[in-house]
Amino acid sequence: MATGKVLEWHDDEGWGVLSSERTPGGCWMHYSALVEDGYRRLAAGEQVRFVWESVDQDDYSFRAEAVWPAGTEPFDERCPDPDPLVEEAPGWYAYVPDPADAARHGVLASAEQRSAALVSGDPDNLLHLLHPNFTWTTHRGDVLDRASYVRANTEGSLRWLEQRLDDPRVVIVGSTGVHTCVVHDRVVCDGVELTFAMPVTQIWVEEQDRWRCVAGHAGPAR
């Protein structure tokens, strides 16, 4: 366990960096690791306590598994069980994570990166997150392969303004993760701004220490 502060926080992308003596160089965190009711966010300079693991994550050597504002009660149903907290030295604890927990965080982070790639309109970032055998079924029933999906979302008259993932849930089976959520989309199509909300299912597979989306389905629109 470590006490530190929020070094930076990217509210639009849902991730940040924590600093502490126990995590030199910074500790990467995803918003899903924040143990707080309601809308989960932090602010630069805020004091926090957190448990972490040593892992390569976006050029950082540490990743937070559970984070809570200093002075609040840390353990609830979303917080890791105290049993995996191993005392490395008097007063210093490290979290020994369940591999499935780390996998779930990896899928959630990758899903958020996919949404960010749509909004940025960057085809290279989007391709990086999609498996070569990727297929996507749209809410209209069209089935797109990897190349046509990237073209449809980065070229032509469609421009993404926002995609928010609500109520995300992940089930891990071996090296496969099933991610379900409700997406809230805001796009411009042929010069007209449109908003949608619909359930989405994504299938992610882990290969060479990274998660890639191999299939997905959106809809029906609400």
Protein backbone atom coordinates (compact mmCIF):
# COMPACT_ATOMS: atom_id res chain seq x y z
CA MET A 1 0.00 0.00 0.00
CA ALA A 2 1.26 3.48 -0.78
CA THR A 3 0.32 7.06 0.06
CA GLY A 4 0.87 9.66 -2.60
CA LYS A 5 -0.78 12.23 -4.79
CA VAL A 6 -2.28 12.53 -8.24
CA LEU A 7 0.43 13.71 -10.59
CA GLU A 8 -1.86 14.08 -13.61
CA TRP A 9 -5.44 13.19 -14.47
CA HIS A 10 -7.05 12.96 -17.93
CA ASP A 11 -10.76 13.17 -17.26
CA ASP A 12 -11.73 12.84 -20.94
CA GLU A 13 -9.83 9.54 -21.30
CA GLY A 14 -10.32 8.20 -17.77
CA TRP A 15 -6.74 7.61 -16.68
CA GLY A 16 -4.02 9.31 -14.68
CA VAL A 17 -0.64 8.99 -13.01
CA LEU A 18 0.02 8.74 -9.27
CA SER A 19 3.30 9.56 -7.53
CA SER A 20 4.70 8.05 -4.35
CA GLU A 21 8.01 6.97 -2.88
CA ARG A 22 7.04 3.34 -3.51
CA THR A 23 6.37 3.84 -7.24
CA PRO A 24 9.31 5.82 -8.69
CA GLY A 25 8.64 7.16 -12.15
CA GLY A 26 4.88 7.21 -11.57
CA CYS A 27 2.06 4.68 -11.24
CA TRP A 28 -0.50 4.44 -14.07
CA MET A 29 -4.15 4.12 -13.08
CA HIS A 30 -7.46 3.58 -14.87
CA TYR A 31 -10.61 5.23 -13.52
CA SER A 32 -12.12 1.79 -12.85
CA ALA A 33 -9.54 1.32 -10.06
CA LEU A 34 -10.96 4.29 -8.14
CA VAL A 35 -13.04 3.18 -5.16
CA GLU A 36 -15.59 5.95 -4.88
CA ASP A 37 -19.35 6.13 -5.25
CA GLY A 38 -20.86 7.99 -8.18
CA TYR A 39 -18.87 9.54 -11.01
CA ARG A 40 -15.28 8.44 -10.60
CA ARG A 41 -12.66 11.11 -11.13
CA LEU A 42 -9.60 12.64 -9.46
CA ALA A 43 -7.79 15.94 -9.67
CA ALA A 44 -4.10 16.73 -10.00
CA GLY A 45 -2.56 17.30 -6.58
CA GLU A 46 -5.18 15.27 -4.69
CA GLN A 47 -3.85 13.04 -1.90
CA VAL A 48 -4.64 9.35 -2.32
CA ARG A 49 -3.84 5.91 -0.98
CA PHE A 50 -3.52 2.97 -3.31
CA VAL A 51 -2.40 -0.60 -3.83
CA TRP A 52 -0.40 -1.42 -6.93
CA GLU A 53 1.40 -4.07 -8.95
CA SER A 54 4.67 -4.02 -10.85
CA VAL A 55 3.82 -4.28 -14.56
CA ASP A 56 4.65 -2.46 -17.80
CA GLN A 57 1.73 -0.16 -18.61
CA ASP A 58 1.99 2.69 -21.14
CA ASP A 59 5.69 3.34 -20.36
CA TYR A 60 5.13 3.10 -16.58
CA SER A 61 6.50 0.33 -14.36
CA PHE A 62 3.55 0.31 -11.95
CA ARG A 63 -0.22 0.06 -12.27
CA ALA A 64 -2.74 0.88 -9.53
CA GLU A 65 -5.22 -1.86 -8.63
CA ALA A 66 -7.33 0.13 -6.15
CA VAL A 67 -7.22 3.86 -5.40
CA TRP A 68 -9.17 5.91 -2.86
CA PRO A 69 -8.95 9.48 -1.57
CA ALA A 70 -6.81 9.82 1.54
CA GLY A 71 -8.86 9.80 4.74
CA THR A 72 -11.69 7.63 3.39
CA GLU A 73 -12.54 3.98 4.06
CA PRO A 74 -10.90 1.95 1.30
CA PHE A 75 -12.59 -1.44 1.38
CA ASP A 76 -15.96 -2.11 -0.20
CA GLU A 77 -17.26 -4.56 -2.80
CA ARG A 78 -15.01 -3.09 -5.52
CA CYS A 79 -11.86 -3.05 -3.43
CA PRO A 80 -9.37 -5.92 -3.27
CA ASP A 81 -9.63 -8.26 -0.32
CA PRO A 82 -7.11 -7.28 2.39
CA ASP A 83 -5.62 -10.80 2.32
CA PRO A 84 -3.54 -10.19 -0.84
CA LEU A 85 -1.81 -7.22 0.84
CA VAL A 86 1.70 -8.42 1.66
CA GLU A 87 3.81 -6.45 4.10
CA GLU A 88 7.18 -5.95 2.39
CA ALA A 89 8.57 -3.77 5.18
CA PRO A 90 7.11 -2.27 8.36
CA GLY A 91 4.23 -0.08 7.25
CA TRP A 92 4.72 -0.82 3.53
CA TYR A 93 2.41 -3.14 1.65
CA ALA A 94 2.23 -4.37 -1.92
CA TYR A 95 -0.80 -5.91 -3.55
CA VAL A 96 -0.49 -9.45 -4.90
CA PRO A 97 -3.26 -9.36 -7.50
CA ASP A 98 -5.54 -12.07 -8.77
CA PRO A 99 -4.50 -12.56 -12.45
CA ALA A 100 -8.14 -12.30 -13.47
CA ASP A 101 -8.34 -8.84 -11.85
CA ALA A 102 -5.32 -7.67 -13.85
CA ALA A 103 -6.87 -9.11 -17.03
CA ARG A 104 -10.16 -7.30 -16.38
CA HIS A 105 -8.34 -4.00 -15.93
CA GLY A 106 -6.39 -4.68 -19.12
CA VAL A 107 -9.57 -5.25 -21.13
CA LEU A 108 -11.23 -2.14 -19.66
CA ALA A 109 -8.20 0.01 -20.44
CA SER A 110 -8.04 -1.33 -24.00
CA ALA A 111 -11.76 -0.68 -24.51
CA GLU A 112 -11.28 2.92 -23.38
CA GLN A 113 -8.32 3.26 -25.77
CA ARG A 114 -10.49 2.00 -28.62
CA SER A 115 -13.08 4.69 -27.83
CA ALA A 116 -10.34 7.33 -27.72
CA ALA A 117 -9.01 6.13 -31.09
CA LEU A 118 -12.48 6.56 -32.62
CA VAL A 119 -12.73 10.12 -31.33
CA SER A 120 -9.21 11.01 -32.48
CA GLY A 121 -9.91 9.55 -35.92
CA ASP A 122 -6.47 7.93 -35.93
CA PRO A 123 -6.56 4.80 -38.13
CA ASP A 124 -3.17 3.54 -36.91
CA ASN A 125 -4.21 3.60 -33.25
CA LEU A 126 -7.48 1.88 -34.10
CA LEU A 127 -5.73 -0.83 -36.15
CA HIS A 128 -3.32 -1.44 -33.27
CA LEU A 129 -6.25 -2.36 -31.01
CA LEU A 130 -8.05 -4.64 -33.49
CA HIS A 131 -7.14 -8.27 -34.15
CA PRO A 132 -6.36 -9.16 -37.79
CA ASN A 133 -9.44 -11.45 -37.78
CA PHE A 134 -11.66 -8.71 -36.34
CA THR A 135 -15.35 -8.53 -37.33
CA TRP A 136 -17.98 -6.05 -36.16
CA THR A 137 -21.77 -6.25 -36.45
CA THR A 138 -23.37 -2.81 -36.49
CA HIS A 139 -26.70 -1.90 -34.96
CA ARG A 140 -28.12 -2.02 -38.52
CA GLY A 141 -26.94 -5.62 -38.96
CA ASP A 142 -24.01 -4.85 -41.32
CA VAL A 143 -20.94 -7.03 -40.76
CA LEU A 144 -17.58 -5.25 -41.19
CA ASP A 145 -14.09 -6.69 -41.34
CA ARG A 146 -11.10 -4.92 -39.83
CA ALA A 147 -10.24 -2.77 -42.85
CA SER A 148 -13.82 -1.72 -43.61
CA TYR A 149 -14.47 -0.94 -39.93
CA VAL A 150 -11.45 1.36 -39.76
CA ARG A 151 -12.39 3.09 -43.04
CA ALA A 152 -15.99 3.57 -41.93
CA ASN A 153 -14.91 5.24 -38.69
CA THR A 154 -11.94 7.36 -39.84
CA GLU A 155 -12.82 8.35 -43.41
CA GLY A 156 -15.81 9.82 -45.18
CA SER A 157 -18.62 11.86 -43.68
CA LEU A 158 -18.63 10.29 -40.17
CA ARG A 159 -16.74 12.13 -37.43
CA TRP A 160 -16.70 10.97 -33.81
CA LEU A 161 -17.11 13.60 -31.07
CA GLU A 162 -17.47 11.33 -28.03
CA GLN A 163 -17.96 7.76 -26.93
CA ARG A 164 -18.65 7.08 -23.26
CA LEU A 165 -18.75 3.56 -21.82
CA ASP A 166 -21.26 3.13 -18.99
CA ASP A 167 -21.76 0.12 -16.71
CA PRO A 168 -18.73 -1.78 -18.08
CA ARG A 169 -18.47 -5.46 -17.12
CA VAL A 170 -15.77 -7.96 -18.04
CA VAL A 171 -15.72 -11.75 -17.81
CA ILE A 172 -12.33 -13.44 -18.27
CA VAL A 173 -11.99 -17.00 -19.58
CA GLY A 174 -8.37 -17.95 -20.15
CA SER A 175 -6.87 -15.41 -22.57
CA THR A 176 -10.30 -14.16 -23.72
CA GLY A 177 -12.28 -11.27 -22.23
CA VAL A 178 -15.96 -10.55 -22.86
CA HIS A 179 -16.69 -6.86 -22.32
CA THR A 180 -20.26 -5.56 -22.14
CA CYS A 181 -21.38 -1.99 -21.57
CA VAL A 182 -23.78 0.70 -22.72
CA VAL A 183 -22.17 3.20 -25.08
CA HIS A 184 -23.23 6.81 -25.39
CA ASP A 185 -22.11 8.08 -28.79
CA ARG A 186 -22.00 11.60 -30.18
CA VAL A 187 -21.09 11.89 -33.85
CA VAL A 188 -21.38 14.18 -36.85
CA CYS A 189 -22.68 12.48 -40.00
CA ASP A 190 -23.11 14.43 -43.23
CA GLY A 191 -22.88 17.64 -41.22
CA VAL A 192 -25.61 16.66 -38.72
CA GLU A 193 -24.80 15.98 -35.06
CA LEU A 194 -26.38 12.77 -33.76
CA THR A 195 -26.46 11.00 -30.40
CA PHE A 196 -27.02 7.32 -29.70
CA ALA A 197 -27.16 5.01 -26.70
CA MET A 198 -26.96 1.25 -27.17
CA PRO A 199 -25.62 -1.93 -25.59
CA VAL A 200 -22.30 -3.22 -26.93
CA THR A 201 -20.52 -6.54 -26.57
CA GLN A 202 -16.82 -6.82 -27.38
CA ILE A 203 -14.62 -9.93 -27.43
CA TRP A 204 -10.98 -9.30 -26.57
CA VAL A 205 -8.06 -11.74 -26.77
CA GLU A 206 -4.66 -11.41 -25.14
CA GLU A 207 -1.67 -11.95 -27.42
CA GLN A 208 1.94 -10.97 -26.73
CA ASP A 209 0.98 -9.16 -23.50
CA ARG A 210 -1.63 -6.91 -25.07
CA TRP A 211 -5.38 -7.09 -25.57
CA ARG A 212 -6.91 -6.83 -29.04
CA CYS A 213 -10.57 -6.79 -29.99
CA VAL A 214 -11.47 -9.74 -32.23
CA ALA A 215 -15.24 -9.24 -32.52
CA GLY A 216 -18.03 -6.96 -31.42
CA HIS A 217 -21.73 -6.21 -31.75
CA ALA A 218 -23.60 -2.94 -31.20
CA GLY A 219 -27.30 -2.40 -30.70
CA PRO A 220 -30.10 -2.15 -30.81
CA ALA A 221 -30.08 1.64 -30.50
CA ARG A 222 -32.15 3.04 -27.65
